[in-house]
Amino acid sequence: MNDNQRVPTREDLFGPAPGMATDRRAPIHAGLRRALARLLVSLGTRGWQSPADMDAMIAALRAEIDAAGAGQRQRVAVHPMLEAWLPREVDAAVSVAELALLVESLATARAEERPAWARRLFIRCGRLAAEDLVALAEAEDALQPLLATLMTAWEMRAVTARMMAMVPPARVQAVLALALPAMDDDERAAFLATARAAAPDDTALAAIDGAAMIGLAPEAWNRLRRRLALAA
């Protein structure tokens, strides 16, 4: 062993400490991780003979597939200059399509066929979760720092606004329900203020506020409401 060899520092191994405040997608990524973990736990432990369990899980899986597909479309549309990342998006899209087919097969299966379909779905969902977790980590470890060198702070805010604008009004509540519980108070206030500013009308505003109220614990909602001076 060479005693004169320099010991690698934390920066050598992992790069500069990440600036979480500059990556406004971080709470959404955290929410996606939480959702994936919950789905895997549920798929691995639930019985499939109960209609209530069946309906709840199918609804959750459909929402997760919708979120995964929307995330891929956003990444491709917002970062077309990073063509080296696009092949991964194409590969992942195939996984999402396969998972969607398995979900619908489970939804229409006879009661005696559900355990077998659920087992196949559990295995496939685990693989998709692994792919998504790797993609999220790569985005945060490599893509986000690269964007920070290519774009000014104003341009990064514009990207965030563009991503928010790409979310259809019908999906805003689902996005907020995914992201808000994974945020701290400062992040929630900034994120909700951005979402409200992009709302096209009072109906959309009410949907945004309602999603926050339903998705957060009462004390967290009250803190957020007071901070943004929202109606009770």
C-alpha atoms as a PDB file:
ATOM      1  CA  MET A   1       0.000   0.000   0.000  1.00  0.00           C
ATOM      2  CA  ASN A   2       1.293   3.466  -0.901  1.00  0.00           C
ATOM      3  CA  ASP A   3       1.191   5.536   2.290  1.00  0.00           C
ATOM      4  CA  ASN A   4       1.701   8.702   0.246  1.00  0.00           C
ATOM      5  CA  GLN A   5      -1.421   8.186  -1.807  1.00  0.00           C
ATOM      6  CA  ARG A   6      -3.936  10.950  -1.232  1.00  0.00           C
ATOM      7  CA  VAL A   7      -7.112   9.891   0.500  1.00  0.00           C
ATOM      8  CA  PRO A   8     -10.106  10.779  -1.682  1.00  0.00           C
ATOM      9  CA  THR A   9     -12.262  13.526  -0.267  1.00  0.00           C
ATOM     10  CA  ARG A  10     -16.032  13.565  -0.206  1.00  0.00           C
ATOM     11  CA  GLU A  11     -15.981  15.978  -3.157  1.00  0.00           C
ATOM     12  CA  ASP A  12     -13.742  13.576  -5.127  1.00  0.00           C
ATOM     13  CA  LEU A  13     -16.214  10.750  -4.621  1.00  0.00           C
ATOM     14  CA  PHE A  14     -19.540  12.539  -4.871  1.00  0.00           C
ATOM     15  CA  GLY A  15     -18.809  15.991  -6.307  1.00  0.00           C
ATOM     16  CA  PRO A  16     -19.868  19.276  -4.703  1.00  0.00           C
ATOM     17  CA  ALA A  17     -22.636  19.190  -2.152  1.00  0.00           C
ATOM     18  CA  PRO A  18     -25.913  19.343  -4.107  1.00  0.00           C
ATOM     19  CA  GLY A  19     -27.882  22.544  -3.963  1.00  0.00           C
ATOM     20  CA  MET A  20     -31.309  21.109  -3.247  1.00  0.00           C
ATOM     21  CA  ALA A  21     -32.935  24.530  -3.252  1.00  0.00           C
ATOM     22  CA  THR A  22     -32.044  24.988  -6.939  1.00  0.00           C
ATOM     23  CA  ASP A  23     -33.656  21.733  -8.069  1.00  0.00           C
ATOM     24  CA  ARG A  24     -37.378  22.386  -7.861  1.00  0.00           C
ATOM     25  CA  ARG A  25     -38.118  18.871  -9.105  1.00  0.00           C
ATOM     26  CA  ALA A  26     -36.520  17.275  -6.035  1.00  0.00           C
ATOM     27  CA  PRO A  27     -39.793  17.130  -4.036  1.00  0.00           C
ATOM     28  CA  ILE A  28     -41.571  15.514  -6.981  1.00  0.00           C
ATOM     29  CA  HIS A  29     -38.763  12.990  -7.281  1.00  0.00           C
ATOM     30  CA  ALA A  30     -39.038  12.288  -3.554  1.00  0.00           C
ATOM     31  CA  GLY A  31     -42.773  11.799  -3.943  1.00  0.00           C
ATOM     32  CA  LEU A  32     -42.241   9.392  -6.843  1.00  0.00           C
ATOM     33  CA  ARG A  33     -39.864   7.336  -4.717  1.00  0.00           C
ATOM     34  CA  ARG A  34     -42.383   7.188  -1.872  1.00  0.00           C
ATOM     35  CA  ALA A  35     -45.165   6.163  -4.257  1.00  0.00           C
ATOM     36  CA  LEU A  36     -43.053   3.423  -5.839  1.00  0.00           C
ATOM     37  CA  ALA A  37     -42.116   2.058  -2.429  1.00  0.00           C
ATOM     38  CA  ARG A  38     -45.743   2.019  -1.269  1.00  0.00           C
ATOM     39  CA  LEU A  39     -46.867   0.226  -4.414  1.00  0.00           C
ATOM     40  CA  LEU A  40     -44.219  -2.471  -4.080  1.00  0.00           C
ATOM     41  CA  VAL A  41     -45.105  -3.045  -0.434  1.00  0.00           C
ATOM     42  CA  SER A  42     -48.804  -3.248  -1.265  1.00  0.00           C
ATOM     43  CA  LEU A  43     -48.284  -5.571  -4.220  1.00  0.00           C
ATOM     44  CA  GLY A  44     -46.142  -7.868  -2.110  1.00  0.00           C
ATOM     45  CA  THR A  45     -48.438  -8.101   0.904  1.00  0.00           C
ATOM     46  CA  ARG A  46     -52.063  -7.679  -0.168  1.00  0.00           C
ATOM     47  CA  GLY A  47     -54.526 -10.437  -0.843  1.00  0.00           C
ATOM     48  CA  TRP A  48     -56.256 -10.245  -4.207  1.00  0.00           C
ATOM     49  CA  GLN A  49     -59.568 -11.893  -3.409  1.00  0.00           C
ATOM     50  CA  SER A  50     -61.031  -8.775  -1.738  1.00  0.00           C
ATOM     51  CA  PRO A  51     -62.840  -6.483  -4.215  1.00  0.00           C
ATOM     52  CA  ALA A  52     -61.972  -3.443  -2.058  1.00  0.00           C
ATOM     53  CA  ASP A  53     -58.259  -4.275  -2.114  1.00  0.00           C
ATOM     54  CA  MET A  54     -58.459  -4.948  -5.837  1.00  0.00           C
ATOM     55  CA  ASP A  55     -60.159  -1.655  -6.707  1.00  0.00           C
ATOM     56  CA  ALA A  56     -57.826   0.430  -4.533  1.00  0.00           C
ATOM     57  CA  MET A  57     -54.675  -1.157  -5.921  1.00  0.00           C
ATOM     58  CA  ILE A  58     -55.785  -0.913  -9.546  1.00  0.00           C
ATOM     59  CA  ALA A  59     -56.551   2.790  -9.049  1.00  0.00           C
ATOM     60  CA  ALA A  60     -53.142   3.376  -7.436  1.00  0.00           C
ATOM     61  CA  LEU A  61     -51.332   1.497 -10.202  1.00  0.00           C
ATOM     62  CA  ARG A  62     -53.120   3.424 -12.940  1.00  0.00           C
ATOM     63  CA  ALA A  63     -52.179   6.703 -11.251  1.00  0.00           C
ATOM     64  CA  GLU A  64     -48.551   5.603 -10.987  1.00  0.00           C
ATOM     65  CA  ILE A  65     -48.412   4.645 -14.662  1.00  0.00           C
ATOM     66  CA  ASP A  66     -49.932   7.994 -15.596  1.00  0.00           C
ATOM     67  CA  ALA A  67     -47.321   9.810 -13.509  1.00  0.00           C
ATOM     68  CA  ALA A  68     -44.477   7.780 -14.999  1.00  0.00           C
ATOM     69  CA  GLY A  69     -45.620   8.444 -18.554  1.00  0.00           C
ATOM     70  CA  ALA A  70     -46.094  12.162 -17.900  1.00  0.00           C
ATOM     71  CA  GLY A  71     -42.640  12.392 -16.350  1.00  0.00           C
ATOM     72  CA  GLN A  72     -41.061  10.854 -19.438  1.00  0.00           C
ATOM     73  CA  ARG A  73     -42.904  13.243 -21.763  1.00  0.00           C
ATOM     74  CA  GLN A  74     -41.798  16.218 -19.688  1.00  0.00           C
ATOM     75  CA  ARG A  75     -38.142  15.173 -19.621  1.00  0.00           C
ATOM     76  CA  VAL A  76     -38.037  14.632 -23.376  1.00  0.00           C
ATOM     77  CA  ALA A  77     -39.824  17.914 -24.140  1.00  0.00           C
ATOM     78  CA  VAL A  78     -37.949  20.122 -21.682  1.00  0.00           C
ATOM     79  CA  HIS A  79     -34.429  18.830 -22.355  1.00  0.00           C
ATOM     80  CA  PRO A  80     -34.251  18.088 -26.097  1.00  0.00           C
ATOM     81  CA  MET A  81     -30.654  19.323 -26.227  1.00  0.00           C
ATOM     82  CA  LEU A  82     -29.499  16.398 -24.052  1.00  0.00           C
ATOM     83  CA  GLU A  83     -29.918  13.723 -26.706  1.00  0.00           C
ATOM     84  CA  ALA A  84     -27.640  11.277 -24.888  1.00  0.00           C
ATOM     85  CA  TRP A  85     -30.406  10.851 -22.308  1.00  0.00           C
ATOM     86  CA  LEU A  86     -33.201  10.141 -24.760  1.00  0.00           C
ATOM     87  CA  PRO A  87     -32.539   6.405 -25.399  1.00  0.00           C
ATOM     88  CA  ARG A  88     -33.201   5.685 -21.718  1.00  0.00           C
ATOM     89  CA  GLU A  89     -36.558   7.436 -22.032  1.00  0.00           C
ATOM     90  CA  VAL A  90     -37.521   5.241 -25.000  1.00  0.00           C
ATOM     91  CA  ASP A  91     -36.564   2.074 -23.119  1.00  0.00           C
ATOM     92  CA  ALA A  92     -38.520   3.163 -20.052  1.00  0.00           C
ATOM     93  CA  ALA A  93     -41.604   3.923 -22.151  1.00  0.00           C
ATOM     94  CA  VAL A  94     -41.718   0.268 -23.183  1.00  0.00           C
ATOM     95  CA  SER A  95     -41.682  -0.732 -19.505  1.00  0.00           C
ATOM     96  CA  VAL A  96     -44.566   1.612 -18.728  1.00  0.00           C
ATOM     97  CA  ALA A  97     -46.613   0.189 -21.609  1.00  0.00           C
ATOM     98  CA  GLU A  98     -45.977  -3.376 -20.441  1.00  0.00           C
ATOM     99  CA  LEU A  99     -46.946  -2.497 -16.886  1.00  0.00           C
ATOM    100  CA  ALA A 100     -50.141  -0.826 -18.095  1.00  0.00           C
ATOM    101  CA  LEU A 101     -51.085  -3.983 -20.007  1.00  0.00           C
ATOM    102  CA  LEU A 102     -50.474  -6.128 -16.919  1.00  0.00           C
ATOM    103  CA  VAL A 103     -52.600  -3.818 -14.770  1.00  0.00           C
ATOM    104  CA  GLU A 104     -55.531  -4.038 -17.164  1.00  0.00           C
ATOM    105  CA  SER A 105     -55.084  -7.818 -17.378  1.00  0.00           C
ATOM    106  CA  LEU A 106     -55.309  -7.994 -13.594  1.00  0.00           C
ATOM    107  CA  ALA A 107     -58.324  -5.675 -13.554  1.00  0.00           C
ATOM    108  CA  THR A 108     -60.281  -7.954 -15.903  1.00  0.00           C
ATOM    109  CA  ALA A 109     -59.041 -11.313 -14.574  1.00  0.00           C
ATOM    110  CA  ARG A 110     -61.320 -13.818 -12.891  1.00  0.00           C
ATOM    111  CA  ALA A 111     -60.921 -14.131  -9.129  1.00  0.00           C
ATOM    112  CA  GLU A 112     -58.996 -17.400  -9.365  1.00  0.00           C
ATOM    113  CA  GLU A 113     -56.559 -15.867 -11.883  1.00  0.00           C
ATOM    114  CA  ARG A 114     -55.744 -12.757  -9.856  1.00  0.00           C
ATOM    115  CA  PRO A 115     -52.901 -14.177  -7.725  1.00  0.00           C
ATOM    116  CA  ALA A 116     -50.957 -15.266 -10.816  1.00  0.00           C
ATOM    117  CA  TRP A 117     -51.453 -11.925 -12.568  1.00  0.00           C
ATOM    118  CA  ALA A 118     -50.608 -10.070  -9.359  1.00  0.00           C
ATOM    119  CA  ARG A 119     -47.365 -12.035  -9.054  1.00  0.00           C
ATOM    120  CA  ARG A 120     -46.358 -11.144 -12.617  1.00  0.00           C
ATOM    121  CA  LEU A 121     -47.299  -7.546 -11.970  1.00  0.00           C
ATOM    122  CA  PHE A 122     -45.268  -7.473  -8.746  1.00  0.00           C
ATOM    123  CA  ILE A 123     -42.144  -8.697 -10.559  1.00  0.00           C
ATOM    124  CA  ARG A 124     -42.609  -6.273 -13.466  1.00  0.00           C
ATOM    125  CA  CYS A 125     -43.402  -3.346 -11.185  1.00  0.00           C
ATOM    126  CA  GLY A 126     -40.240  -4.089  -9.201  1.00  0.00           C
ATOM    127  CA  ARG A 127     -38.166  -3.882 -12.362  1.00  0.00           C
ATOM    128  CA  LEU A 128     -39.832  -0.642 -13.427  1.00  0.00           C
ATOM    129  CA  ALA A 129     -39.267   0.805  -9.950  1.00  0.00           C
ATOM    130  CA  ALA A 130     -35.576  -0.092 -10.174  1.00  0.00           C
ATOM    131  CA  GLU A 131     -35.322   1.592 -13.586  1.00  0.00           C
ATOM    132  CA  ASP A 132     -37.111   4.689 -12.310  1.00  0.00           C
ATOM    133  CA  LEU A 133     -34.942   4.912  -9.188  1.00  0.00           C
ATOM    134  CA  VAL A 134     -31.779   4.738 -11.305  1.00  0.00           C
ATOM    135  CA  ALA A 135     -33.146   7.378 -13.704  1.00  0.00           C
ATOM    136  CA  LEU A 136     -34.057   9.694 -10.811  1.00  0.00           C
ATOM    137  CA  ALA A 137     -30.628   9.273  -9.237  1.00  0.00           C
ATOM    138  CA  GLU A 138     -28.895   9.978 -12.548  1.00  0.00           C
ATOM    139  CA  ALA A 139     -31.028  13.072 -13.067  1.00  0.00           C
ATOM    140  CA  GLU A 140     -30.075  14.416  -9.649  1.00  0.00           C
ATOM    141  CA  ASP A 141     -26.411  13.361  -9.684  1.00  0.00           C
ATOM    142  CA  ALA A 142     -25.537  14.275 -13.267  1.00  0.00           C
ATOM    143  CA  LEU A 143     -28.329  15.947 -15.215  1.00  0.00           C
ATOM    144  CA  GLN A 144     -29.244  18.624 -12.686  1.00  0.00           C
ATOM    145  CA  PRO A 145     -25.621  19.827 -12.185  1.00  0.00           C
ATOM    146  CA  LEU A 146     -25.208  19.866 -15.972  1.00  0.00           C
ATOM    147  CA  LEU A 147     -28.320  21.986 -16.398  1.00  0.00           C
ATOM    148  CA  ALA A 148     -27.044  24.337 -13.703  1.00  0.00           C
ATOM    149  CA  THR A 149     -23.933  24.968 -15.813  1.00  0.00           C
ATOM    150  CA  LEU A 150     -25.920  25.425 -19.040  1.00  0.00           C
ATOM    151  CA  MET A 151     -28.710  27.629 -17.720  1.00  0.00           C
ATOM    152  CA  THR A 152     -29.021  30.755 -15.632  1.00  0.00           C
ATOM    153  CA  ALA A 153     -31.211  30.821 -12.529  1.00  0.00           C
ATOM    154  CA  TRP A 154     -33.874  32.633 -14.553  1.00  0.00           C
ATOM    155  CA  GLU A 155     -33.764  29.962 -17.261  1.00  0.00           C
ATOM    156  CA  MET A 156     -34.061  27.225 -14.637  1.00  0.00           C
ATOM    157  CA  ARG A 157     -37.161  28.929 -13.232  1.00  0.00           C
ATOM    158  CA  ALA A 158     -38.547  29.120 -16.765  1.00  0.00           C
ATOM    159  CA  VAL A 159     -37.988  25.377 -17.170  1.00  0.00           C
ATOM    160  CA  THR A 160     -39.887  24.760 -13.932  1.00  0.00           C
ATOM    161  CA  ALA A 161     -42.744  26.962 -15.127  1.00  0.00           C
ATOM    162  CA  ARG A 162     -42.810  25.138 -18.464  1.00  0.00           C
ATOM    163  CA  MET A 163     -42.972  21.778 -16.720  1.00  0.00           C
ATOM    164  CA  MET A 164     -45.827  23.001 -14.529  1.00  0.00           C
ATOM    165  CA  ALA A 165     -47.674  24.314 -17.594  1.00  0.00           C
ATOM    166  CA  MET A 166     -47.378  20.881 -19.245  1.00  0.00           C
ATOM    167  CA  VAL A 167     -49.407  19.269 -16.467  1.00  0.00           C
ATOM    168  CA  PRO A 168     -53.068  19.045 -17.576  1.00  0.00           C
ATOM    169  CA  PRO A 169     -55.505  20.613 -15.080  1.00  0.00           C
ATOM    170  CA  ALA A 170     -57.023  17.195 -14.399  1.00  0.00           C
ATOM    171  CA  ARG A 171     -53.631  15.926 -13.204  1.00  0.00           C
ATOM    172  CA  VAL A 172     -52.589  18.886 -11.055  1.00  0.00           C
ATOM    173  CA  GLN A 173     -54.212  17.380  -7.978  1.00  0.00           C
ATOM    174  CA  ALA A 174     -52.386  14.080  -8.492  1.00  0.00           C
ATOM    175  CA  VAL A 175     -49.040  15.860  -8.876  1.00  0.00           C
ATOM    176  CA  LEU A 176     -49.614  17.915  -5.732  1.00  0.00           C
ATOM    177  CA  ALA A 177     -50.704  14.855  -3.762  1.00  0.00           C
ATOM    178  CA  LEU A 178     -47.489  13.153  -4.831  1.00  0.00           C
ATOM    179  CA  ALA A 179     -45.116  16.029  -4.170  1.00  0.00           C
ATOM    180  CA  LEU A 180     -46.409  18.050  -1.214  1.00  0.00           C
ATOM    181  CA  PRO A 181     -46.024  15.403   1.525  1.00  0.00           C
ATOM    182  CA  ALA A 182     -42.341  15.027   0.570  1.00  0.00           C
ATOM    183  CA  MET A 183     -41.593  18.750   1.011  1.00  0.00           C
ATOM    184  CA  ASP A 184     -40.695  20.900   3.973  1.00  0.00           C
ATOM    185  CA  ASP A 185     -42.685  24.050   4.751  1.00  0.00           C
ATOM    186  CA  ASP A 186     -40.507  26.364   2.639  1.00  0.00           C
ATOM    187  CA  GLU A 187     -40.645  24.050  -0.381  1.00  0.00           C
ATOM    188  CA  ARG A 188     -44.405  23.625  -0.057  1.00  0.00           C
ATOM    189  CA  ALA A 189     -44.984  27.356   0.022  1.00  0.00           C
ATOM    190  CA  ALA A 190     -42.798  27.982  -3.036  1.00  0.00           C
ATOM    191  CA  PHE A 191     -44.213  25.040  -4.985  1.00  0.00           C
ATOM    192  CA  LEU A 192     -47.842  25.866  -4.247  1.00  0.00           C
ATOM    193  CA  ALA A 193     -47.292  29.538  -5.051  1.00  0.00           C
ATOM    194  CA  THR A 194     -45.849  28.522  -8.446  1.00  0.00           C
ATOM    195  CA  ALA A 195     -48.758  26.172  -9.124  1.00  0.00           C
ATOM    196  CA  ARG A 196     -51.319  28.813  -8.147  1.00  0.00           C
ATOM    197  CA  ALA A 197     -49.635  31.438 -10.334  1.00  0.00           C
ATOM    198  CA  ALA A 198     -49.924  29.089 -13.323  1.00  0.00           C
ATOM    199  CA  ALA A 199     -53.599  28.286 -12.672  1.00  0.00           C
ATOM    200  CA  PRO A 200     -55.770  29.416 -15.610  1.00  0.00           C
ATOM    201  CA  ASP A 201     -58.931  30.153 -13.609  1.00  0.00           C
ATOM    202  CA  ASP A 202     -60.614  30.080 -10.197  1.00  0.00           C
ATOM    203  CA  THR A 203     -61.704  26.471 -10.679  1.00  0.00           C
ATOM    204  CA  ALA A 204     -58.096  25.394 -11.110  1.00  0.00           C
ATOM    205  CA  LEU A 205     -57.112  27.453  -8.070  1.00  0.00           C
ATOM    206  CA  ALA A 206     -59.756  25.705  -5.986  1.00  0.00           C
ATOM    207  CA  ALA A 207     -58.539  22.316  -7.208  1.00  0.00           C
ATOM    208  CA  ILE A 208     -54.947  23.171  -6.275  1.00  0.00           C
ATOM    209  CA  ASP A 209     -55.898  24.389  -2.804  1.00  0.00           C
ATOM    210  CA  GLY A 210     -58.169  21.394  -2.285  1.00  0.00           C
ATOM    211  CA  ALA A 211     -55.409  18.958  -3.235  1.00  0.00           C
ATOM    212  CA  ALA A 212     -53.076  20.581  -0.726  1.00  0.00           C
ATOM    213  CA  MET A 213     -55.695  20.497   2.018  1.00  0.00           C
ATOM    214  CA  ILE A 214     -56.519  16.823   1.407  1.00  0.00           C
ATOM    215  CA  GLY A 215     -52.939  15.669   0.875  1.00  0.00           C
ATOM    216  CA  LEU A 216     -51.387  17.241   3.974  1.00  0.00           C
ATOM    217  CA  ALA A 217     -51.849  16.584   7.659  1.00  0.00           C
ATOM    218  CA  PRO A 218     -54.139  19.226   9.239  1.00  0.00           C
ATOM    219  CA  GLU A 219     -51.327  21.018  11.072  1.00  0.00           C
ATOM    220  CA  ALA A 220     -49.168  21.138   7.923  1.00  0.00           C
ATOM    221  CA  TRP A 221     -52.090  22.474   5.872  1.00  0.00           C
ATOM    222  CA  ASN A 222     -52.828  25.162   8.452  1.00  0.00           C
ATOM    223  CA  ARG A 223     -49.216  26.345   8.424  1.00  0.00           C
ATOM    224  CA  LEU A 224     -49.242  26.484   4.623  1.00  0.00           C
ATOM    225  CA  ARG A 225     -52.611  28.239   4.516  1.00  0.00           C
ATOM    226  CA  ARG A 226     -51.458  30.936   6.934  1.00  0.00           C
ATOM    227  CA  ARG A 227     -48.199  31.408   5.081  1.00  0.00           C
ATOM    228  CA  LEU A 228     -49.905  31.958   1.724  1.00  0.00           C
ATOM    229  CA  ALA A 229     -52.897  33.776   3.249  1.00  0.00           C
ATOM    230  CA  LEU A 230     -55.339  31.232   1.849  1.00  0.00           C
ATOM    231  CA  ALA A 231     -58.945  30.979   2.914  1.00  0.00           C
ATOM    232  CA  ALA A 232     -59.767  28.357   5.535  1.00  0.00           C
END
